C-alpha atoms as a PDB file:
ATOM      1  CA  MET A   1      -5.105 -96.031 147.111  1.00  0.00           C
ATOM      2  CA  ALA A   2      -1.365 -95.378 147.395  1.00  0.00           C
ATOM      3  CA  HIS A   3       1.229 -96.200 149.993  1.00  0.00           C
ATOM      4  CA  GLN A   4       1.206 -93.706 152.850  1.00  0.00           C
ATOM      5  CA  ILE A   5       4.251 -93.069 155.031  1.00  0.00           C
ATOM      6  CA  LEU A   6       2.921 -92.665 158.564  1.00  0.00           C
ATOM      7  CA  SER A   7       6.226 -91.995 160.323  1.00  0.00           C
ATOM      8  CA  LYS A   8       9.984 -91.812 159.742  1.00  0.00           C
ATOM      9  CA  THR A   9      12.620 -92.443 162.383  1.00  0.00           C
ATOM     10  CA  THR A  10      16.348 -92.114 161.735  1.00  0.00           C
ATOM     11  CA  VAL A  11      18.061 -95.120 163.307  1.00  0.00           C
ATOM     12  CA  TYR A  12      21.630 -94.589 162.044  1.00  0.00           C
ATOM     13  CA  ASN A  13      23.683 -91.678 160.657  1.00  0.00           C
ATOM     14  CA  ALA A  14      26.878 -92.091 158.629  1.00  0.00           C
ATOM     15  CA  TYR A  15      29.016 -89.887 156.380  1.00  0.00           C
ATOM     16  CA  ALA A  16      27.118 -90.192 153.068  1.00  0.00           C
ATOM     17  CA  PHE A  17      23.898 -91.799 154.226  1.00  0.00           C
ATOM     18  CA  SER A  18      21.481 -92.445 157.050  1.00  0.00           C
ATOM     19  CA  VAL A  19      19.114 -95.332 157.700  1.00  0.00           C
ATOM     20  CA  GLU A  20      15.467 -94.581 158.409  1.00  0.00           C
ATOM     21  CA  ASN A  21      12.709 -96.821 159.667  1.00  0.00           C
ATOM     22  CA  LEU A  22       9.506 -96.007 157.795  1.00  0.00           C
ATOM     23  CA  HIS A  23       6.137 -97.049 159.163  1.00  0.00           C
ATOM     24  CA  VAL A  24       3.893 -97.372 156.097  1.00  0.00           C
ATOM     25  CA  LYS A  25       0.204 -97.901 155.456  1.00  0.00           C
ATOM     26  CA  LEU A  26      -0.188-100.211 152.454  1.00  0.00           C
ATOM     27  CA  PRO A  27      -2.877 -99.884 149.765  1.00  0.00           C
ATOM     28  CA  ASP A  28      -4.897-102.671 151.446  1.00  0.00           C
ATOM     29  CA  ASP A  29      -4.848-100.751 154.811  1.00  0.00           C
ATOM     30  CA  ARG A  30      -2.280-103.052 156.460  1.00  0.00           C
ATOM     31  CA  GLU A  31       0.714-101.390 158.111  1.00  0.00           C
ATOM     32  CA  ARG A  32       4.342-102.459 158.130  1.00  0.00           C
ATOM     33  CA  ASP A  33       7.858-101.149 158.667  1.00  0.00           C
ATOM     34  CA  TYR A  34      10.498-100.667 155.980  1.00  0.00           C
ATOM     35  CA  ASN A  35      14.146 -99.643 156.208  1.00  0.00           C
ATOM     36  CA  LEU A  36      15.351 -96.927 153.842  1.00  0.00           C
ATOM     37  CA  VAL A  37      18.918 -95.876 153.146  1.00  0.00           C
ATOM     38  CA  ARG A  38      18.711 -92.095 152.720  1.00  0.00           C
ATOM     39  CA  HIS A  39      21.776 -91.551 150.516  1.00  0.00           C
ATOM     40  CA  SER A  40      23.216 -88.396 148.985  1.00  0.00           C
ATOM     41  CA  ASP A  41      22.651 -88.178 145.241  1.00  0.00           C
ATOM     42  CA  SER A  42      25.584 -88.972 142.972  1.00  0.00           C
ATOM     43  CA  VAL A  43      27.022 -88.701 139.472  1.00  0.00           C
ATOM     44  CA  THR A  44      28.558 -91.065 136.932  1.00  0.00           C
ATOM     45  CA  ILE A  45      30.726 -89.689 134.150  1.00  0.00           C
ATOM     46  CA  ILE A  46      31.587 -91.212 130.755  1.00  0.00           C
ATOM     47  CA  PRO A  47      34.852 -89.441 129.864  1.00  0.00           C
ATOM     48  CA  MET A  48      35.503 -89.851 126.145  1.00  0.00           C
ATOM     49  CA  ASP A  49      38.682 -88.469 124.593  1.00  0.00           C
ATOM     50  CA  SER A  50      39.142 -87.185 121.040  1.00  0.00           C
ATOM     51  CA  ASP A  51      40.331 -90.642 119.910  1.00  0.00           C
ATOM     52  CA  GLY A  52      37.003 -92.207 120.968  1.00  0.00           C
ATOM     53  CA  ASN A  53      38.426 -93.885 124.080  1.00  0.00           C
ATOM     54  CA  ILE A  54      36.360 -94.100 127.244  1.00  0.00           C
ATOM     55  CA  TRP A  55      38.231 -93.615 130.494  1.00  0.00           C
ATOM     56  CA  PHE A  56      37.444 -96.054 133.301  1.00  0.00           C
ATOM     57  CA  VAL A  57      38.838 -96.494 136.784  1.00  0.00           C
ATOM     58  CA  THR A  58      39.508 -99.621 138.793  1.00  0.00           C
ATOM     59  CA  GLN A  59      39.094 -99.578 142.547  1.00  0.00           C
ATOM     60  CA  PHE A  60      38.434-101.879 145.462  1.00  0.00           C
ATOM     61  CA  ARG A  61      34.765-101.901 146.502  1.00  0.00           C
ATOM     62  CA  MET A  62      33.798-102.965 150.017  1.00  0.00           C
ATOM     63  CA  GLY A  63      30.328-104.227 149.040  1.00  0.00           C
ATOM     64  CA  CYS A  64      31.698-107.008 146.832  1.00  0.00           C
ATOM     65  CA  GLU A  65      35.170-107.177 148.402  1.00  0.00           C
ATOM     66  CA  ARG A  66      36.967-106.951 145.072  1.00  0.00           C
ATOM     67  CA  VAL A  67      38.379-104.558 142.509  1.00  0.00           C
ATOM     68  CA  LEU A  68      35.825-103.395 139.938  1.00  0.00           C
ATOM     69  CA  LEU A  69      36.185-101.690 136.592  1.00  0.00           C
ATOM     70  CA  GLU A  70      33.803 -98.745 136.497  1.00  0.00           C
ATOM     71  CA  LEU A  71      33.234 -95.279 135.130  1.00  0.00           C
ATOM     72  CA  PRO A  72      34.330 -92.358 137.298  1.00  0.00           C
ATOM     73  CA  ALA A  73      31.657 -91.417 139.808  1.00  0.00           C
ATOM     74  CA  GLY A  74      31.079 -89.692 143.099  1.00  0.00           C
ATOM     75  CA  THR A  75      28.717 -88.328 145.674  1.00  0.00           C
ATOM     76  CA  ILE A  76      27.318 -84.825 145.367  1.00  0.00           C
ATOM     77  CA  ASP A  77      28.517 -82.551 148.184  1.00  0.00           C
ATOM     78  CA  ASP A  78      26.098 -80.292 150.074  1.00  0.00           C
ATOM     79  CA  GLY A  79      25.359 -77.190 147.997  1.00  0.00           C
ATOM     80  CA  GLU A  80      26.892 -78.716 144.862  1.00  0.00           C
ATOM     81  CA  THR A  81      24.905 -79.231 141.652  1.00  0.00           C
ATOM     82  CA  PRO A  82      25.126 -82.530 139.757  1.00  0.00           C
ATOM     83  CA  LEU A  83      27.029 -80.732 136.967  1.00  0.00           C
ATOM     84  CA  ASP A  84      29.531 -79.196 139.404  1.00  0.00           C
ATOM     85  CA  CYS A  85      30.052 -82.610 140.985  1.00  0.00           C
ATOM     86  CA  ALA A  86      30.618 -84.264 137.596  1.00  0.00           C
ATOM     87  CA  LEU A  87      33.132 -81.573 136.603  1.00  0.00           C
ATOM     88  CA  ARG A  88      35.017 -82.112 139.887  1.00  0.00           C
ATOM     89  CA  GLU A  89      34.878 -85.912 139.958  1.00  0.00           C
ATOM     90  CA  VAL A  90      36.195 -86.422 136.413  1.00  0.00           C
ATOM     91  CA  ARG A  91      39.234 -84.311 137.327  1.00  0.00           C
ATOM     92  CA  GLU A  92      39.794 -86.077 140.656  1.00  0.00           C
ATOM     93  CA  GLU A  93      39.492 -89.587 139.265  1.00  0.00           C
ATOM     94  CA  THR A  94      41.054 -89.314 135.784  1.00  0.00           C
ATOM     95  CA  GLY A  95      43.169 -86.146 135.933  1.00  0.00           C
ATOM     96  CA  MET A  96      41.249 -84.824 132.932  1.00  0.00           C
ATOM     97  CA  ALA A  97      38.768 -81.953 132.737  1.00  0.00           C
ATOM     98  CA  ALA A  98      35.863 -81.786 130.304  1.00  0.00           C
ATOM     99  CA  GLY A  99      35.385 -78.938 127.861  1.00  0.00           C
ATOM    100  CA  GLN A 100      31.864 -80.259 127.252  1.00  0.00           C
ATOM    101  CA  MET A 101      29.615 -82.037 129.748  1.00  0.00           C
ATOM    102  CA  THR A 102      26.266 -83.409 128.539  1.00  0.00           C
ATOM    103  CA  HIS A 103      23.610 -84.708 130.945  1.00  0.00           C
ATOM    104  CA  LEU A 104      22.234 -88.015 129.592  1.00  0.00           C
ATOM    105  CA  GLY A 105      19.690 -88.815 132.288  1.00  0.00           C
ATOM    106  CA  SER A 106      19.243 -89.812 135.918  1.00  0.00           C
ATOM    107  CA  ILE A 107      18.637 -93.244 137.439  1.00  0.00           C
ATOM    108  CA  TYR A 108      17.834 -94.636 140.876  1.00  0.00           C
ATOM    109  CA  LEU A 109      20.567 -97.100 141.820  1.00  0.00           C
ATOM    110  CA  ALA A 110      18.590 -99.313 144.225  1.00  0.00           C
ATOM    111  CA  PRO A 111      15.082 -97.858 144.669  1.00  0.00           C
ATOM    112  CA  GLY A 112      13.864-100.808 146.735  1.00  0.00           C
ATOM    113  CA  TYR A 113      15.885 -99.606 149.720  1.00  0.00           C
ATOM    114  CA  SER A 114      17.795 -96.427 148.798  1.00  0.00           C
ATOM    115  CA  SER A 115      16.896 -92.853 147.850  1.00  0.00           C
ATOM    116  CA  GLU A 116      20.113 -92.274 145.837  1.00  0.00           C
ATOM    117  CA  LEU A 117      19.555 -90.672 142.429  1.00  0.00           C
ATOM    118  CA  ASN A 118      22.530 -90.944 140.052  1.00  0.00           C
ATOM    119  CA  HIS A 119      22.998 -88.296 137.354  1.00  0.00           C
ATOM    120  CA  ILE A 120      24.839 -89.507 134.255  1.00  0.00           C
ATOM    121  CA  PHE A 121      27.052 -87.248 132.133  1.00  0.00           C
ATOM    122  CA  LEU A 122      29.038 -87.653 128.921  1.00  0.00           C
ATOM    123  CA  ALA A 123      32.320 -85.721 129.231  1.00  0.00           C
ATOM    124  CA  THR A 124      34.086 -84.754 125.996  1.00  0.00           C
ATOM    125  CA  GLU A 125      36.787 -82.318 124.868  1.00  0.00           C
ATOM    126  CA  LEU A 126      39.051 -83.706 127.597  1.00  0.00           C
ATOM    127  CA  TYR A 127      42.243 -81.918 128.620  1.00  0.00           C
ATOM    128  CA  PRO A 128      44.711 -82.431 131.485  1.00  0.00           C
ATOM    129  CA  ALA A 129      43.646 -80.667 134.708  1.00  0.00           C
ATOM    130  CA  PRO A 130      44.124 -83.021 137.661  1.00  0.00           C
ATOM    131  CA  LEU A 131      42.670 -82.500 141.107  1.00  0.00           C
ATOM    132  CA  GLU A 132      43.814 -84.410 144.178  1.00  0.00           C
ATOM    133  CA  MET A 133      41.879 -87.631 144.797  1.00  0.00           C
ATOM    134  CA  ASP A 134      39.955 -88.181 148.005  1.00  0.00           C
ATOM    135  CA  GLU A 135      42.282 -89.444 150.735  1.00  0.00           C
ATOM    136  CA  ASP A 136      40.640 -92.902 150.773  1.00  0.00           C
ATOM    137  CA  GLU A 137      40.669 -93.397 146.981  1.00  0.00           C
ATOM    138  CA  PHE A 138      43.205 -95.671 145.324  1.00  0.00           C
ATOM    139  CA  LEU A 139      42.322 -95.691 141.638  1.00  0.00           C
ATOM    140  CA  ASN A 140      43.923 -96.810 138.415  1.00  0.00           C
ATOM    141  CA  VAL A 141      42.826 -95.370 135.081  1.00  0.00           C
ATOM    142  CA  GLU A 142      42.180 -97.597 132.066  1.00  0.00           C
ATOM    143  CA  ARG A 143      41.091 -96.546 128.579  1.00  0.00           C
ATOM    144  CA  TYR A 144      39.089 -98.601 126.102  1.00  0.00           C
ATOM    145  CA  PRO A 145      37.791 -97.737 122.623  1.00  0.00           C
ATOM    146  CA  ALA A 146      34.046 -97.057 122.868  1.00  0.00           C
ATOM    147  CA  ASN A 147      33.100-100.214 120.953  1.00  0.00           C
ATOM    148  CA  GLU A 148      35.260-102.311 123.329  1.00  0.00           C
ATOM    149  CA  ALA A 149      33.625-100.635 126.334  1.00  0.00           C
ATOM    150  CA  LEU A 150      30.260-101.890 125.161  1.00  0.00           C
ATOM    151  CA  LEU A 151      31.768-105.367 124.688  1.00  0.00           C
ATOM    152  CA  LEU A 152      33.066-105.276 128.277  1.00  0.00           C
ATOM    153  CA  ALA A 153      29.467-104.866 129.358  1.00  0.00           C
ATOM    154  CA  GLN A 154      28.190-107.661 127.126  1.00  0.00           C
ATOM    155  CA  GLN A 155      30.954-110.004 128.328  1.00  0.00           C
ATOM    156  CA  VAL A 156      30.093-109.209 131.981  1.00  0.00           C
ATOM    157  CA  ARG A 157      33.626-107.939 132.604  1.00  0.00           C
ATOM    158  CA  LEU A 158      31.963-104.687 133.622  1.00  0.00           C
ATOM    159  CA  GLN A 159      29.797-105.482 136.662  1.00  0.00           C
ATOM    160  CA  ASP A 160      29.110-102.043 138.103  1.00  0.00           C
ATOM    161  CA  SER A 161      25.427-101.200 137.618  1.00  0.00           C
ATOM    162  CA  LYS A 162      25.824 -97.436 137.306  1.00  0.00           C
ATOM    163  CA  SER A 163      28.483 -97.912 134.621  1.00  0.00           C
ATOM    164  CA  LEU A 164      26.275-100.345 132.717  1.00  0.00           C
ATOM    165  CA  ALA A 165      23.315 -97.958 132.867  1.00  0.00           C
ATOM    166  CA  ALA A 166      25.495 -95.039 131.791  1.00  0.00           C
ATOM    167  CA  LEU A 167      26.844 -96.915 128.761  1.00  0.00           C
ATOM    168  CA  TYR A 168      23.306 -97.900 127.816  1.00  0.00           C
ATOM    169  CA  LEU A 169      22.156 -94.269 127.972  1.00  0.00           C
ATOM    170  CA  ALA A 170      25.172 -93.168 125.908  1.00  0.00           C
ATOM    171  CA  SER A 171      25.054 -95.998 123.354  1.00  0.00           C
ATOM    172  CA  GLY A 172      23.601 -93.834 120.592  1.00  0.00           C
ATOM    173  CA  LYS A 173      26.210 -91.115 121.189  1.00  0.00           C
ATOM    174  CA  LEU A 174      29.337 -93.317 121.169  1.00  0.00           C
ATOM    175  CA  PRO A 175      31.451 -94.081 118.105  1.00  0.00           C
ATOM    176  CA  GLY A 176      31.559 -97.605 116.703  1.00  0.00           C
END
């Protein structure tokens, strides 16, 4: 027997997500409530230039109350495909467009309490084509050779889970 969702009630709505209360019947016939963050899907991009450098951004993150080093990423807008979002976000966050965008896979960021599915792309053949950043974004761009990017992960200097997962998925496609 599987879990069965008996009812869903939205208890909070925000810009990129809502919170639902789910009343669930468990496999052993007991019932209980769960909270679910219903979040828009998102993308993470690994921008790699012709010199084999990976472009990262640093930005303040409210959840940990500190600046994190991470790969460019963003939330998919209504009516936008993951590819369209990745093409837009890499330009907004790094000022570079991708001549080639390769989908590496998709991961759930926190499936215990969130519906958000993150689509990971490798962006290559980069060229300057900036778009204006979101009004609440204050980013700095940093570049690291691909082999150093993997070391950042191993040394726990890179603590953003979507960036770690993206580098893992790309590890066989990166130089060094």
